[in-house]
Amino acid sequence: LTLVFSGALRTQPFGAALEPRWPLPLGLEARWHFPTMPLTLSLAATGEIDSLDAFYFGAGAFAAIRF
């Protein structure tokens, strides 16, 4: 089992003051590697919240076969 946590720091566009843009997007992924098979299953979730009426969340499931 592998757990991955990620975040991204965005800045203002080039030509503007170099400062972070809020909110910060965050993500979490869990991967299960089958030791006797070339198969990996993953579950992922991501999102960001700026306010109660400005947010997004997403989720996905993935399968990979290693050759």
C-alpha atoms as a PDB file:
ATOM      1  CA  LEU A   1       0.000   0.000   0.000  1.00  0.00           C
ATOM      2  CA  THR A   2       1.324   3.441  -0.937  1.00  0.00           C
ATOM      3  CA  LEU A   3      -0.249   6.690   0.277  1.00  0.00           C
ATOM      4  CA  VAL A   4       0.544   9.938  -1.534  1.00  0.00           C
ATOM      5  CA  PHE A   5      -0.393  13.427  -0.353  1.00  0.00           C
ATOM      6  CA  SER A   6       0.166  16.402  -2.632  1.00  0.00           C
ATOM      7  CA  GLY A   7      -0.368  20.119  -2.702  1.00  0.00           C
ATOM      8  CA  ALA A   8       0.389  22.860  -5.182  1.00  0.00           C
ATOM      9  CA  LEU A   9       1.456  26.431  -4.581  1.00  0.00           C
ATOM     10  CA  ARG A  10       0.253  28.741  -7.328  1.00  0.00           C
ATOM     11  CA  THR A  11       1.560  32.257  -7.853  1.00  0.00           C
ATOM     12  CA  GLN A  12       0.134  35.298  -9.535  1.00  0.00           C
ATOM     13  CA  PRO A  13       0.687  35.458 -13.322  1.00  0.00           C
ATOM     14  CA  PHE A  14       4.083  36.656 -14.571  1.00  0.00           C
ATOM     15  CA  GLY A  15       4.332  40.422 -14.543  1.00  0.00           C
ATOM     16  CA  ALA A  16       2.397  40.679 -11.260  1.00  0.00           C
ATOM     17  CA  ALA A  17       3.741  40.555  -7.719  1.00  0.00           C
ATOM     18  CA  LEU A  18       5.305  37.177  -6.931  1.00  0.00           C
ATOM     19  CA  GLU A  19       2.933  36.035  -4.212  1.00  0.00           C
ATOM     20  CA  PRO A  20       0.852  32.907  -3.688  1.00  0.00           C
ATOM     21  CA  ARG A  21      -2.687  32.610  -4.994  1.00  0.00           C
ATOM     22  CA  TRP A  22      -5.160  31.102  -2.573  1.00  0.00           C
ATOM     23  CA  PRO A  23      -6.708  28.594  -2.144  1.00  0.00           C
ATOM     24  CA  LEU A  24      -4.165  25.810  -2.363  1.00  0.00           C
ATOM     25  CA  PRO A  25      -5.240  22.668  -4.255  1.00  0.00           C
ATOM     26  CA  LEU A  26      -4.720  19.469  -2.243  1.00  0.00           C
ATOM     27  CA  GLY A  27      -4.832  15.816  -3.249  1.00  0.00           C
ATOM     28  CA  LEU A  28      -4.634  12.343  -1.718  1.00  0.00           C
ATOM     29  CA  GLU A  29      -3.993   9.036  -3.479  1.00  0.00           C
ATOM     30  CA  ALA A  30      -3.890   5.452  -2.217  1.00  0.00           C
ATOM     31  CA  ARG A  31      -2.279   2.728  -4.346  1.00  0.00           C
ATOM     32  CA  TRP A  32      -2.484  -1.004  -3.718  1.00  0.00           C
ATOM     33  CA  HIS A  33       0.265  -3.044  -5.396  1.00  0.00           C
ATOM     34  CA  PHE A  34      -0.565  -6.742  -5.695  1.00  0.00           C
ATOM     35  CA  PRO A  35       2.680  -8.604  -4.900  1.00  0.00           C
ATOM     36  CA  THR A  36       1.944 -11.701  -6.998  1.00  0.00           C
ATOM     37  CA  MET A  37       0.250  -9.964  -9.951  1.00  0.00           C
ATOM     38  CA  PRO A  38       1.286  -7.108 -12.268  1.00  0.00           C
ATOM     39  CA  LEU A  39      -1.726  -5.060 -11.108  1.00  0.00           C
ATOM     40  CA  THR A  40      -1.974  -1.767  -9.214  1.00  0.00           C
ATOM     41  CA  LEU A  41      -5.285  -0.261  -8.089  1.00  0.00           C
ATOM     42  CA  SER A  42      -5.469   3.433  -7.178  1.00  0.00           C
ATOM     43  CA  LEU A  43      -8.052   5.706  -5.570  1.00  0.00           C
ATOM     44  CA  ALA A  44      -7.538   9.469  -5.757  1.00  0.00           C
ATOM     45  CA  ALA A  45      -9.283  12.565  -4.392  1.00  0.00           C
ATOM     46  CA  THR A  46      -8.525  16.232  -4.958  1.00  0.00           C
ATOM     47  CA  GLY A  47     -10.111  19.548  -4.142  1.00  0.00           C
ATOM     48  CA  GLU A  48      -9.847  23.112  -2.981  1.00  0.00           C
ATOM     49  CA  ILE A  49     -12.071  25.408  -0.944  1.00  0.00           C
ATOM     50  CA  ASP A  50     -12.046  29.183  -1.292  1.00  0.00           C
ATOM     51  CA  SER A  51     -15.405  29.837   0.383  1.00  0.00           C
ATOM     52  CA  LEU A  52     -18.753  28.114   0.911  1.00  0.00           C
ATOM     53  CA  ASP A  53     -19.815  28.988  -2.644  1.00  0.00           C
ATOM     54  CA  ALA A  54     -16.409  28.590  -4.360  1.00  0.00           C
ATOM     55  CA  PHE A  55     -14.988  25.063  -4.096  1.00  0.00           C
ATOM     56  CA  TYR A  56     -14.448  21.876  -6.042  1.00  0.00           C
ATOM     57  CA  PHE A  57     -13.847  18.227  -5.240  1.00  0.00           C
ATOM     58  CA  GLY A  58     -13.003  15.361  -7.542  1.00  0.00           C
ATOM     59  CA  ALA A  59     -12.341  11.649  -7.164  1.00  0.00           C
ATOM     60  CA  GLY A  60     -11.273   8.811  -9.389  1.00  0.00           C
ATOM     61  CA  ALA A  61     -10.303   5.152  -9.477  1.00  0.00           C
ATOM     62  CA  PHE A  62      -7.577   3.700 -11.665  1.00  0.00           C
ATOM     63  CA  ALA A  63      -6.147   0.304 -12.557  1.00  0.00           C
ATOM     64  CA  ALA A  64      -2.682  -0.236 -14.043  1.00  0.00           C
ATOM     65  CA  ILE A  65      -1.002  -3.350 -15.401  1.00  0.00           C
ATOM     66  CA  ARG A  66       2.793  -3.494 -15.275  1.00  0.00           C
ATOM     67  CA  PHE A  67       4.546  -5.269 -18.159  1.00  0.00           C
END
